[in-house]
Amino acid sequence: MPKKQISAAKRTAYTGITAALAVALSFLENLIPPIAALPPGAKIGFANIAVMFALLNFSYADAVIIVIIKSVFVLITRGASAFFMSIAGGLLSVVILIAVLAVSKKTGRNLSYIFLSVTGALFHNIGQLIAAGLYMSTFSVVGYMPVMIICALGSGVVTGIVLKIVIPPITKIMSI
């Protein structure tokens, strides 16, 4: 998935727009009432679509900046514990995806959006469980891991499909 060179001004504008999209998606997703079939705290993670879009089309640093901006928004709207979970999950997910993309680039393999999305969702959940363990001073939350792995598979597939649908028209609009 090659990245085209764009001017610094354009990249900054696109990063700002993508960060605003991540914040809006996070806000909208938080308005959705809990779904009875999902475990407490489980969400689709639509804001992560914006982060993955940045990873694939902008610099890795831009994706990290978007995670931080989204997490600060979570701090303002949902409090410190939600911020801690958001930043831990978001940063671990981005770091792992950067490593996966780097290996993919070296080996010349193209990875599917669904694979990337599931990987991101899985490590986002792992980061959140680590944060929850630290926040609550207990790592008994690890018992929640099998449930969160299943949730990551489902949410990763959904966001990967959405990403596959939205990337072509957005990159065409942005001329990147």
N, C-alpha and C. Protein backbone atom coordinates (compact mmCIF):
# COMPACT_ATOMS: atom_id res chain seq x y z
N MET A 1 0.83 -1.17 0.00
CA MET A 1 0.00 0.00 0.00
C MET A 1 0.88 1.24 0.00
N PRO A 2 1.23 1.72 -1.14
CA PRO A 2 2.18 2.83 -1.23
C PRO A 2 1.57 4.14 -0.77
N LYS A 3 2.42 4.96 -0.15
CA LYS A 3 2.02 6.29 0.27
C LYS A 3 2.63 7.28 -0.70
N LYS A 4 1.81 8.20 -1.21
CA LYS A 4 2.32 9.23 -2.10
C LYS A 4 2.85 10.38 -1.26
N GLN A 5 3.83 11.08 -1.79
CA GLN A 5 4.36 12.26 -1.13
C GLN A 5 3.37 13.41 -1.30
N ILE A 6 3.02 14.06 -0.20
CA ILE A 6 2.16 15.23 -0.26
C ILE A 6 2.83 16.36 0.51
N SER A 7 2.47 17.57 0.19
CA SER A 7 3.10 18.72 0.85
C SER A 7 2.79 18.72 2.34
N ALA A 8 3.64 19.39 3.09
CA ALA A 8 3.46 19.45 4.55
C ALA A 8 2.13 20.12 4.90
N ALA A 9 1.78 21.16 4.19
CA ALA A 9 0.53 21.87 4.47
C ALA A 9 -0.68 20.96 4.21
N LYS A 10 -0.64 20.25 3.09
CA LYS A 10 -1.74 19.34 2.76
C LYS A 10 -1.82 18.21 3.79
N ARG A 11 -0.67 17.67 4.15
CA ARG A 11 -0.63 16.58 5.12
C ARG A 11 -1.20 17.04 6.46
N THR A 12 -0.83 18.25 6.88
CA THR A 12 -1.34 18.79 8.15
C THR A 12 -2.85 18.96 8.09
N ALA A 13 -3.34 19.50 6.98
CA ALA A 13 -4.79 19.67 6.82
C ALA A 13 -5.49 18.32 6.83
N TYR A 14 -4.98 17.35 6.08
CA TYR A 14 -5.59 16.03 6.03
C TYR A 14 -5.55 15.34 7.39
N THR A 15 -4.46 15.52 8.11
CA THR A 15 -4.35 14.93 9.45
C THR A 15 -5.39 15.55 10.37
N GLY A 16 -5.56 16.87 10.29
CA GLY A 16 -6.57 17.55 11.10
C GLY A 16 -7.97 17.08 10.79
N ILE A 17 -8.27 16.94 9.51
CA ILE A 17 -9.59 16.46 9.09
C ILE A 17 -9.81 15.03 9.58
N THR A 18 -8.79 14.21 9.46
CA THR A 18 -8.90 12.80 9.87
C THR A 18 -9.04 12.71 11.39
N ALA A 19 -8.32 13.56 12.13
CA ALA A 19 -8.45 13.59 13.59
C ALA A 19 -9.86 14.01 13.99
N ALA A 20 -10.40 15.03 13.29
CA ALA A 20 -11.77 15.47 13.57
C ALA A 20 -12.76 14.33 13.29
N LEU A 21 -12.52 13.59 12.24
CA LEU A 21 -13.37 12.45 11.91
C LEU A 21 -13.30 11.39 13.02
N ALA A 22 -12.09 11.12 13.51
CA ALA A 22 -11.92 10.14 14.59
C ALA A 22 -12.68 10.59 15.84
N VAL A 23 -12.59 11.86 16.17
CA VAL A 23 -13.30 12.40 17.34
C VAL A 23 -14.81 12.29 17.13
N ALA A 24 -15.29 12.66 15.94
CA ALA A 24 -16.73 12.59 15.65
C ALA A 24 -17.23 11.15 15.71
N LEU A 25 -16.47 10.23 15.14
CA LEU A 25 -16.87 8.82 15.17
C LEU A 25 -16.88 8.28 16.61
N SER A 26 -15.90 8.69 17.39
CA SER A 26 -15.84 8.28 18.80
C SER A 26 -17.06 8.81 19.55
N PHE A 27 -17.38 10.07 19.32
CA PHE A 27 -18.54 10.68 19.96
C PHE A 27 -19.83 9.97 19.57
N LEU A 28 -20.02 9.76 18.27
CA LEU A 28 -21.23 9.11 17.78
C LEU A 28 -21.35 7.68 18.29
N GLU A 29 -20.24 6.97 18.31
CA GLU A 29 -20.28 5.59 18.78
C GLU A 29 -20.63 5.53 20.26
N ASN A 30 -20.19 6.53 21.02
CA ASN A 30 -20.50 6.57 22.45
C ASN A 30 -21.99 6.82 22.69
N LEU A 31 -22.69 7.38 21.71
CA LEU A 31 -24.13 7.62 21.84
C LEU A 31 -24.95 6.35 21.65
N ILE A 32 -24.35 5.35 21.03
CA ILE A 32 -25.06 4.08 20.80
C ILE A 32 -25.21 3.36 22.13
N PRO A 33 -26.44 3.01 22.51
CA PRO A 33 -26.60 2.29 23.78
C PRO A 33 -25.94 0.92 23.72
N PRO A 34 -25.55 0.39 24.88
CA PRO A 34 -24.93 -0.94 24.89
C PRO A 34 -25.84 -1.98 24.22
N ILE A 35 -25.23 -2.83 23.45
CA ILE A 35 -25.97 -3.89 22.77
C ILE A 35 -25.98 -5.11 23.68
N ALA A 36 -27.16 -5.64 23.93
CA ALA A 36 -27.33 -6.72 24.91
C ALA A 36 -26.42 -7.92 24.66
N ALA A 37 -26.16 -8.24 23.40
CA ALA A 37 -25.36 -9.43 23.09
C ALA A 37 -23.86 -9.20 23.32
N LEU A 38 -23.44 -7.94 23.43
CA LEU A 38 -22.01 -7.65 23.61
C LEU A 38 -21.66 -7.52 25.09
N PRO A 39 -20.45 -7.91 25.45
CA PRO A 39 -20.03 -7.76 26.85
C PRO A 39 -19.85 -6.28 27.20
N PRO A 40 -19.87 -5.95 28.48
CA PRO A 40 -19.70 -4.56 28.90
C PRO A 40 -18.40 -3.96 28.36
N GLY A 41 -18.49 -2.76 27.85
CA GLY A 41 -17.32 -2.06 27.34
C GLY A 41 -16.96 -2.35 25.90
N ALA A 42 -17.59 -3.35 25.30
CA ALA A 42 -17.27 -3.71 23.91
C ALA A 42 -17.91 -2.72 22.95
N LYS A 43 -17.12 -2.25 22.00
CA LYS A 43 -17.60 -1.33 20.97
C LYS A 43 -17.02 -1.77 19.62
N ILE A 44 -17.61 -1.27 18.56
CA ILE A 44 -17.11 -1.59 17.22
C ILE A 44 -15.75 -0.92 16.99
N GLY A 45 -15.60 0.31 17.41
CA GLY A 45 -14.32 1.01 17.22
C GLY A 45 -14.24 1.76 15.90
N PHE A 46 -15.33 2.44 15.54
CA PHE A 46 -15.35 3.16 14.27
C PHE A 46 -14.27 4.24 14.17
N ALA A 47 -13.88 4.84 15.29
CA ALA A 47 -12.84 5.86 15.25
C ALA A 47 -11.51 5.28 14.76
N ASN A 48 -11.34 3.99 14.97
CA ASN A 48 -10.09 3.35 14.53
C ASN A 48 -9.98 3.30 13.01
N ILE A 49 -11.09 3.46 12.30
CA ILE A 49 -11.05 3.53 10.84
C ILE A 49 -10.23 4.74 10.43
N ALA A 50 -10.43 5.86 11.11
CA ALA A 50 -9.67 7.08 10.80
C ALA A 50 -8.19 6.89 11.09
N VAL A 51 -7.88 6.21 12.18
CA VAL A 51 -6.48 5.96 12.54
C VAL A 51 -5.81 5.06 11.49
N MET A 52 -6.51 4.00 11.09
CA MET A 52 -5.93 3.11 10.08
C MET A 52 -5.80 3.81 8.73
N PHE A 53 -6.76 4.66 8.40
CA PHE A 53 -6.66 5.44 7.17
C PHE A 53 -5.38 6.28 7.20
N ALA A 54 -5.10 6.92 8.33
CA ALA A 54 -3.88 7.72 8.46
C ALA A 54 -2.64 6.85 8.36
N LEU A 55 -2.66 5.70 8.99
CA LEU A 55 -1.50 4.79 8.91
C LEU A 55 -1.19 4.41 7.47
N LEU A 56 -2.23 4.20 6.68
CA LEU A 56 -2.04 3.73 5.32
C LEU A 56 -1.77 4.85 4.32
N ASN A 57 -2.15 6.08 4.65
CA ASN A 57 -2.05 7.17 3.68
C ASN A 57 -1.18 8.35 4.10
N PHE A 58 -0.92 8.49 5.39
CA PHE A 58 -0.10 9.59 5.87
C PHE A 58 1.13 8.98 6.55
N SER A 59 1.77 9.73 7.41
CA SER A 59 2.92 9.18 8.13
C SER A 59 2.45 8.44 9.38
N TYR A 60 3.31 7.59 9.88
CA TYR A 60 2.99 6.88 11.11
C TYR A 60 2.81 7.88 12.26
N ALA A 61 3.60 8.93 12.27
CA ALA A 61 3.48 9.95 13.31
C ALA A 61 2.09 10.59 13.28
N ASP A 62 1.54 10.79 12.08
CA ASP A 62 0.21 11.37 11.97
C ASP A 62 -0.82 10.46 12.64
N ALA A 63 -0.68 9.16 12.47
CA ALA A 63 -1.62 8.22 13.10
C ALA A 63 -1.51 8.29 14.62
N VAL A 64 -0.29 8.41 15.13
CA VAL A 64 -0.09 8.53 16.58
C VAL A 64 -0.73 9.83 17.08
N ILE A 65 -0.56 10.90 16.35
CA ILE A 65 -1.16 12.19 16.73
C ILE A 65 -2.68 12.07 16.78
N ILE A 66 -3.26 11.37 15.83
CA ILE A 66 -4.72 11.19 15.80
C ILE A 66 -5.18 10.39 17.02
N VAL A 67 -4.44 9.35 17.39
CA VAL A 67 -4.78 8.57 18.58
C VAL A 67 -4.74 9.46 19.82
N ILE A 68 -3.73 10.31 19.92
CA ILE A 68 -3.61 11.19 21.09
C ILE A 68 -4.75 12.20 21.12
N ILE A 69 -5.07 12.81 19.98
CA ILE A 69 -6.17 13.77 19.92
C ILE A 69 -7.49 13.10 20.30
N LYS A 70 -7.73 11.92 19.77
CA LYS A 70 -8.97 11.20 20.10
C LYS A 70 -9.02 10.87 21.58
N SER A 71 -7.89 10.47 22.15
CA SER A 71 -7.84 10.12 23.57
C SER A 71 -8.05 11.34 24.46
N VAL A 72 -7.53 12.49 24.06
CA VAL A 72 -7.77 13.72 24.82
C VAL A 72 -9.26 14.07 24.78
N PHE A 73 -9.89 13.88 23.64
CA PHE A 73 -11.34 14.09 23.54
C PHE A 73 -12.06 13.16 24.51
N VAL A 74 -11.63 11.91 24.59
CA VAL A 74 -12.23 10.95 25.52
C VAL A 74 -12.03 11.44 26.96
N LEU A 75 -10.88 11.98 27.27
CA LEU A 75 -10.62 12.52 28.61
C LEU A 75 -11.62 13.63 28.93
N ILE A 76 -11.83 14.53 28.00
CA ILE A 76 -12.72 15.66 28.22
C ILE A 76 -14.18 15.21 28.37
N THR A 77 -14.58 14.24 27.59
CA THR A 77 -15.99 13.85 27.57
C THR A 77 -16.34 12.68 28.50
N ARG A 78 -15.36 11.81 28.80
CA ARG A 78 -15.69 10.61 29.59
C ARG A 78 -14.84 10.41 30.83
N GLY A 79 -13.81 11.24 31.03
CA GLY A 79 -13.04 11.15 32.25
C GLY A 79 -11.72 10.42 32.13
N ALA A 80 -11.00 10.43 33.26
CA ALA A 80 -9.62 9.94 33.31
C ALA A 80 -9.50 8.44 33.03
N SER A 81 -10.39 7.64 33.61
CA SER A 81 -10.24 6.19 33.41
C SER A 81 -10.49 5.83 31.94
N ALA A 82 -11.47 6.46 31.31
CA ALA A 82 -11.72 6.21 29.88
C ALA A 82 -10.54 6.68 29.04
N PHE A 83 -9.93 7.81 29.42
CA PHE A 83 -8.74 8.31 28.71
C PHE A 83 -7.61 7.29 28.80
N PHE A 84 -7.37 6.79 29.99
CA PHE A 84 -6.29 5.84 30.22
C PHE A 84 -6.49 4.60 29.35
N MET A 85 -7.72 4.12 29.29
CA MET A 85 -8.02 2.95 28.46
C MET A 85 -7.85 3.28 26.97
N SER A 86 -8.32 4.47 26.56
CA SER A 86 -8.25 4.87 25.16
C SER A 86 -6.81 5.04 24.69
N ILE A 87 -6.01 5.71 25.47
CA ILE A 87 -4.62 5.98 25.06
C ILE A 87 -3.81 4.68 25.07
N ALA A 88 -4.04 3.82 26.06
CA ALA A 88 -3.29 2.56 26.13
C ALA A 88 -3.64 1.66 24.95
N GLY A 89 -4.93 1.51 24.69
CA GLY A 89 -5.36 0.67 23.58
C GLY A 89 -4.95 1.25 22.24
N GLY A 90 -5.14 2.55 22.08
CA GLY A 90 -4.81 3.20 20.81
C GLY A 90 -3.34 3.17 20.48
N LEU A 91 -2.51 3.49 21.47
CA LEU A 91 -1.06 3.52 21.20
C LEU A 91 -0.49 2.12 20.97
N LEU A 92 -0.94 1.13 21.77
CA LEU A 92 -0.44 -0.23 21.53
C LEU A 92 -0.86 -0.71 20.15
N SER A 93 -2.10 -0.45 19.80
CA SER A 93 -2.60 -0.86 18.49
C SER A 93 -1.79 -0.23 17.36
N VAL A 94 -1.54 1.06 17.46
CA VAL A 94 -0.79 1.76 16.40
C VAL A 94 0.65 1.26 16.32
N VAL A 95 1.29 1.06 17.45
CA VAL A 95 2.67 0.58 17.45
C VAL A 95 2.75 -0.80 16.79
N ILE A 96 1.82 -1.68 17.13
CA ILE A 96 1.82 -3.02 16.54
C ILE A 96 1.54 -2.93 15.04
N LEU A 97 0.58 -2.10 14.64
CA LEU A 97 0.28 -1.96 13.21
C LEU A 97 1.45 -1.37 12.44
N ILE A 98 2.18 -0.44 13.04
CA ILE A 98 3.37 0.11 12.39
C ILE A 98 4.39 -1.02 12.16
N ALA A 99 4.58 -1.86 13.17
CA ALA A 99 5.51 -2.98 13.03
C ALA A 99 5.04 -3.96 11.95
N VAL A 100 3.76 -4.26 11.94
CA VAL A 100 3.21 -5.18 10.94
C VAL A 100 3.37 -4.59 9.54
N LEU A 101 3.08 -3.31 9.39
CA LEU A 101 3.22 -2.67 8.07
C LEU A 101 4.69 -2.61 7.63
N ALA A 102 5.60 -2.40 8.58
CA ALA A 102 7.02 -2.38 8.25
C ALA A 102 7.49 -3.74 7.75
N VAL A 103 7.07 -4.80 8.43
CA VAL A 103 7.42 -6.16 8.01
C VAL A 103 6.80 -6.45 6.65
N SER A 104 5.56 -6.04 6.47
CA SER A 104 4.87 -6.24 5.20
C SER A 104 5.61 -5.55 4.06
N LYS A 105 6.07 -4.34 4.32
CA LYS A 105 6.81 -3.58 3.30
C LYS A 105 8.13 -4.28 2.95
N LYS A 106 8.83 -4.77 3.98
CA LYS A 106 10.11 -5.45 3.74
C LYS A 106 9.94 -6.75 2.95
N THR A 107 8.86 -7.45 3.23
CA THR A 107 8.65 -8.74 2.57
C THR A 107 7.90 -8.58 1.25
N GLY A 108 7.41 -7.38 0.98
CA GLY A 108 6.68 -7.15 -0.27
C GLY A 108 5.28 -7.72 -0.29
N ARG A 109 4.75 -8.02 0.88
CA ARG A 109 3.40 -8.60 0.95
C ARG A 109 2.38 -7.50 1.22
N ASN A 110 1.29 -7.53 0.47
CA ASN A 110 0.17 -6.65 0.74
C ASN A 110 -0.77 -7.32 1.72
N LEU A 111 -1.15 -6.60 2.74
CA LEU A 111 -2.04 -7.14 3.75
C LEU A 111 -3.45 -6.61 3.52
N SER A 112 -4.43 -7.42 3.82
CA SER A 112 -5.82 -6.98 3.63
C SER A 112 -6.21 -5.99 4.72
N TYR A 113 -7.18 -5.17 4.39
CA TYR A 113 -7.70 -4.21 5.37
C TYR A 113 -8.31 -4.96 6.56
N ILE A 114 -8.93 -6.08 6.29
CA ILE A 114 -9.54 -6.85 7.38
C ILE A 114 -8.46 -7.40 8.31
N PHE A 115 -7.38 -7.93 7.75
CA PHE A 115 -6.28 -8.42 8.59
C PHE A 115 -5.73 -7.29 9.47
N LEU A 116 -5.49 -6.14 8.85
CA LEU A 116 -4.96 -5.00 9.61
C LEU A 116 -5.94 -4.55 10.69
N SER A 117 -7.20 -4.52 10.34
CA SER A 117 -8.22 -4.07 11.27
C SER A 117 -8.38 -5.03 12.45
N VAL A 118 -8.39 -6.32 12.16
CA VAL A 118 -8.50 -7.31 13.25
C VAL A 118 -7.27 -7.23 14.15
N THR A 119 -6.09 -7.11 13.55
CA THR A 119 -4.86 -6.98 14.34
C THR A 119 -4.93 -5.74 15.23
N GLY A 120 -5.35 -4.62 14.64
CA GLY A 120 -5.48 -3.38 15.42
C GLY A 120 -6.48 -3.53 16.55
N ALA A 121 -7.63 -4.13 16.27
CA ALA A 121 -8.67 -4.32 17.30
C ALA A 121 -8.17 -5.23 18.42
N LEU A 122 -7.49 -6.29 18.05
CA LEU A 122 -6.96 -7.23 19.05
C LEU A 122 -6.00 -6.52 20.00
N PHE A 123 -5.05 -5.78 19.43
CA PHE A 123 -4.06 -5.12 20.29
C PHE A 123 -4.64 -3.89 21.01
N HIS A 124 -5.67 -3.31 20.45
CA HIS A 124 -6.37 -2.24 21.16
C HIS A 124 -6.99 -2.81 22.43
N ASN A 125 -7.64 -3.97 22.30
CA ASN A 125 -8.25 -4.61 23.46
C ASN A 125 -7.21 -5.06 24.48
N ILE A 126 -6.09 -5.57 24.00
CA ILE A 126 -5.01 -5.97 24.92
C ILE A 126 -4.49 -4.76 25.68
N GLY A 127 -4.28 -3.65 24.97
CA GLY A 127 -3.83 -2.42 25.62
C GLY A 127 -4.82 -1.94 26.67
N GLN A 128 -6.11 -2.05 26.36
CA GLN A 128 -7.13 -1.64 27.32
C GLN A 128 -7.15 -2.56 28.54
N LEU A 129 -6.95 -3.85 28.34
CA LEU A 129 -6.92 -4.76 29.48
C LEU A 129 -5.70 -4.51 30.36
N ILE A 130 -4.56 -4.21 29.73
CA ILE A 130 -3.37 -3.85 30.52
C ILE A 130 -3.65 -2.58 31.33
N ALA A 131 -4.25 -1.59 30.68
CA ALA A 131 -4.58 -0.33 31.38
C ALA A 131 -5.56 -0.59 32.52
N ALA A 132 -6.56 -1.42 32.27
CA ALA A 132 -7.54 -1.74 33.32
C ALA A 132 -6.86 -2.43 34.49
N GLY A 133 -5.94 -3.33 34.20
CA GLY A 133 -5.21 -4.02 35.27
C GLY A 133 -4.38 -3.05 36.09
N LEU A 134 -3.71 -2.13 35.43
CA LEU A 134 -2.92 -1.13 36.15
C LEU A 134 -3.82 -0.17 36.93
N TYR A 135 -4.90 0.25 36.31
CA TYR A 135 -5.82 1.21 36.93
C TYR A 135 -6.48 0.62 38.17
N MET A 136 -6.83 -0.66 38.10
CA MET A 136 -7.51 -1.31 39.22
C MET A 136 -6.55 -2.05 40.14
N SER A 137 -5.26 -1.99 39.83
CA SER A 137 -4.22 -2.67 40.62
C SER A 137 -4.47 -4.17 40.75
N THR A 138 -4.99 -4.76 39.71
CA THR A 138 -5.17 -6.21 39.67
C THR A 138 -5.15 -6.66 38.23
N PHE A 139 -4.56 -7.80 38.02
CA PHE A 139 -4.53 -8.31 36.66
C PHE A 139 -5.52 -9.46 36.48
N SER A 140 -6.51 -9.51 37.37
CA SER A 140 -7.57 -10.51 37.20
C SER A 140 -8.39 -10.23 35.94
N VAL A 141 -8.25 -9.01 35.39
CA VAL A 141 -8.95 -8.66 34.15
C VAL A 141 -8.48 -9.51 32.97
N VAL A 142 -7.36 -10.19 33.12
CA VAL A 142 -6.85 -11.06 32.06
C VAL A 142 -7.87 -12.16 31.77
N GLY A 143 -8.67 -12.51 32.74
CA GLY A 143 -9.71 -13.51 32.53
C GLY A 143 -10.75 -13.07 31.51
N TYR A 144 -10.80 -11.78 31.26
CA TYR A 144 -11.72 -11.20 30.29
C TYR A 144 -11.16 -11.29 28.86
N MET A 145 -9.91 -11.72 28.74
CA MET A 145 -9.22 -11.75 27.45
C MET A 145 -9.93 -12.60 26.40
N PRO A 146 -10.38 -13.82 26.69
CA PRO A 146 -11.05 -14.60 25.63
C PRO A 146 -12.27 -13.86 25.04
N VAL A 147 -13.02 -13.20 25.90
CA VAL A 147 -14.19 -12.45 25.45
C VAL A 147 -13.75 -11.30 24.55
N MET A 148 -12.69 -10.62 24.94
CA MET A 148 -12.22 -9.47 24.18
C MET A 148 -11.58 -9.89 22.85
N ILE A 149 -11.01 -11.08 22.81
CA ILE A 149 -10.46 -11.59 21.54
C ILE A 149 -11.61 -11.83 20.55
N ILE A 150 -12.67 -12.44 21.02
CA ILE A 150 -13.83 -12.66 20.15
C ILE A 150 -14.41 -11.33 19.68
N CYS A 151 -14.50 -10.37 20.59
CA CYS A 151 -15.00 -9.04 20.21
C CYS A 151 -14.08 -8.37 19.19
N ALA A 152 -12.78 -8.53 19.37
CA ALA A 152 -11.82 -7.94 18.42
C ALA A 152 -11.98 -8.54 17.04
N LEU A 153 -12.23 -9.83 16.98
CA LEU A 153 -12.43 -10.47 15.67
C LEU A 153 -13.65 -9.89 14.97
N GLY A 154 -14.75 -9.78 15.70
CA GLY A 154 -15.97 -9.24 15.11
C GLY A 154 -15.85 -7.78 14.73
N SER A 155 -15.36 -6.96 15.65
CA SER A 155 -15.26 -5.53 15.37
C SER A 155 -14.19 -5.26 14.30
N GLY A 156 -13.12 -6.03 14.32
CA GLY A 156 -12.07 -5.87 13.31
C GLY A 156 -12.56 -6.18 11.91
N VAL A 157 -13.38 -7.20 11.78
CA VAL A 157 -13.94 -7.53 10.47
C VAL A 157 -14.86 -6.40 10.00
N VAL A 158 -15.72 -5.91 10.90
CA VAL A 158 -16.64 -4.84 10.52
C VAL A 158 -15.88 -3.58 10.10
N THR A 159 -14.92 -3.13 10.91
CA THR A 159 -14.18 -1.92 10.56
C THR A 159 -13.29 -2.13 9.35
N GLY A 160 -12.79 -3.35 9.16
CA GLY A 160 -12.00 -3.65 7.97
C GLY A 160 -12.83 -3.56 6.70
N ILE A 161 -14.05 -4.04 6.77
CA ILE A 161 -14.94 -3.95 5.61
C ILE A 161 -15.26 -2.48 5.31
N VAL A 162 -15.57 -1.72 6.35
CA VAL A 162 -15.86 -0.29 6.16
C VAL A 162 -14.64 0.40 5.57
N LEU A 163 -13.46 0.09 6.09
CA LEU A 163 -12.23 0.69 5.58
C LEU A 163 -12.03 0.36 4.11
N LYS A 164 -12.28 -0.87 3.74
CA LYS A 164 -12.14 -1.29 2.34
C LYS A 164 -13.09 -0.52 1.43
N ILE A 165 -14.27 -0.22 1.94
CA ILE A 165 -15.27 0.52 1.17
C ILE A 165 -14.92 2.00 1.05
N VAL A 166 -14.44 2.60 2.14
CA VAL A 166 -14.26 4.07 2.15
C VAL A 166 -12.90 4.55 1.65
N ILE A 167 -11.87 3.71 1.72
CA ILE A 167 -10.55 4.19 1.31
C ILE A 167 -10.50 4.61 -0.16
N PRO A 168 -10.96 3.81 -1.11
CA PRO A 168 -10.83 4.24 -2.50
C PRO A 168 -11.47 5.60 -2.81
N PRO A 169 -12.73 5.85 -2.42
CA PRO A 169 -13.29 7.17 -2.75
C PRO A 169 -12.63 8.32 -1.99
N ILE A 170 -12.24 8.08 -0.75
CA ILE A 170 -11.61 9.17 0.03
C ILE A 170 -10.24 9.50 -0.55
N THR A 171 -9.45 8.49 -0.90
CA THR A 171 -8.14 8.78 -1.47
C THR A 171 -8.30 9.48 -2.82
N LYS A 172 -9.35 9.14 -3.56
CA LYS A 172 -9.59 9.82 -4.83
C LYS A 172 -9.94 11.29 -4.61
N ILE A 173 -10.81 11.54 -3.63
CA ILE A 173 -11.20 12.92 -3.30
C ILE A 173 -9.99 13.73 -2.85
N MET A 174 -9.15 13.10 -2.01
CA MET A 174 -7.99 13.79 -1.45
C MET A 174 -6.83 13.83 -2.45
N SER A 175 -6.93 13.08 -3.52
CA SER A 175 -5.85 13.00 -4.51
C SER A 175 -4.54 12.53 -3.89
N ILE A 176 -4.62 11.49 -3.06
CA ILE A 176 -3.39 10.97 -2.44
C ILE A 176 -3.13 9.56 -2.92
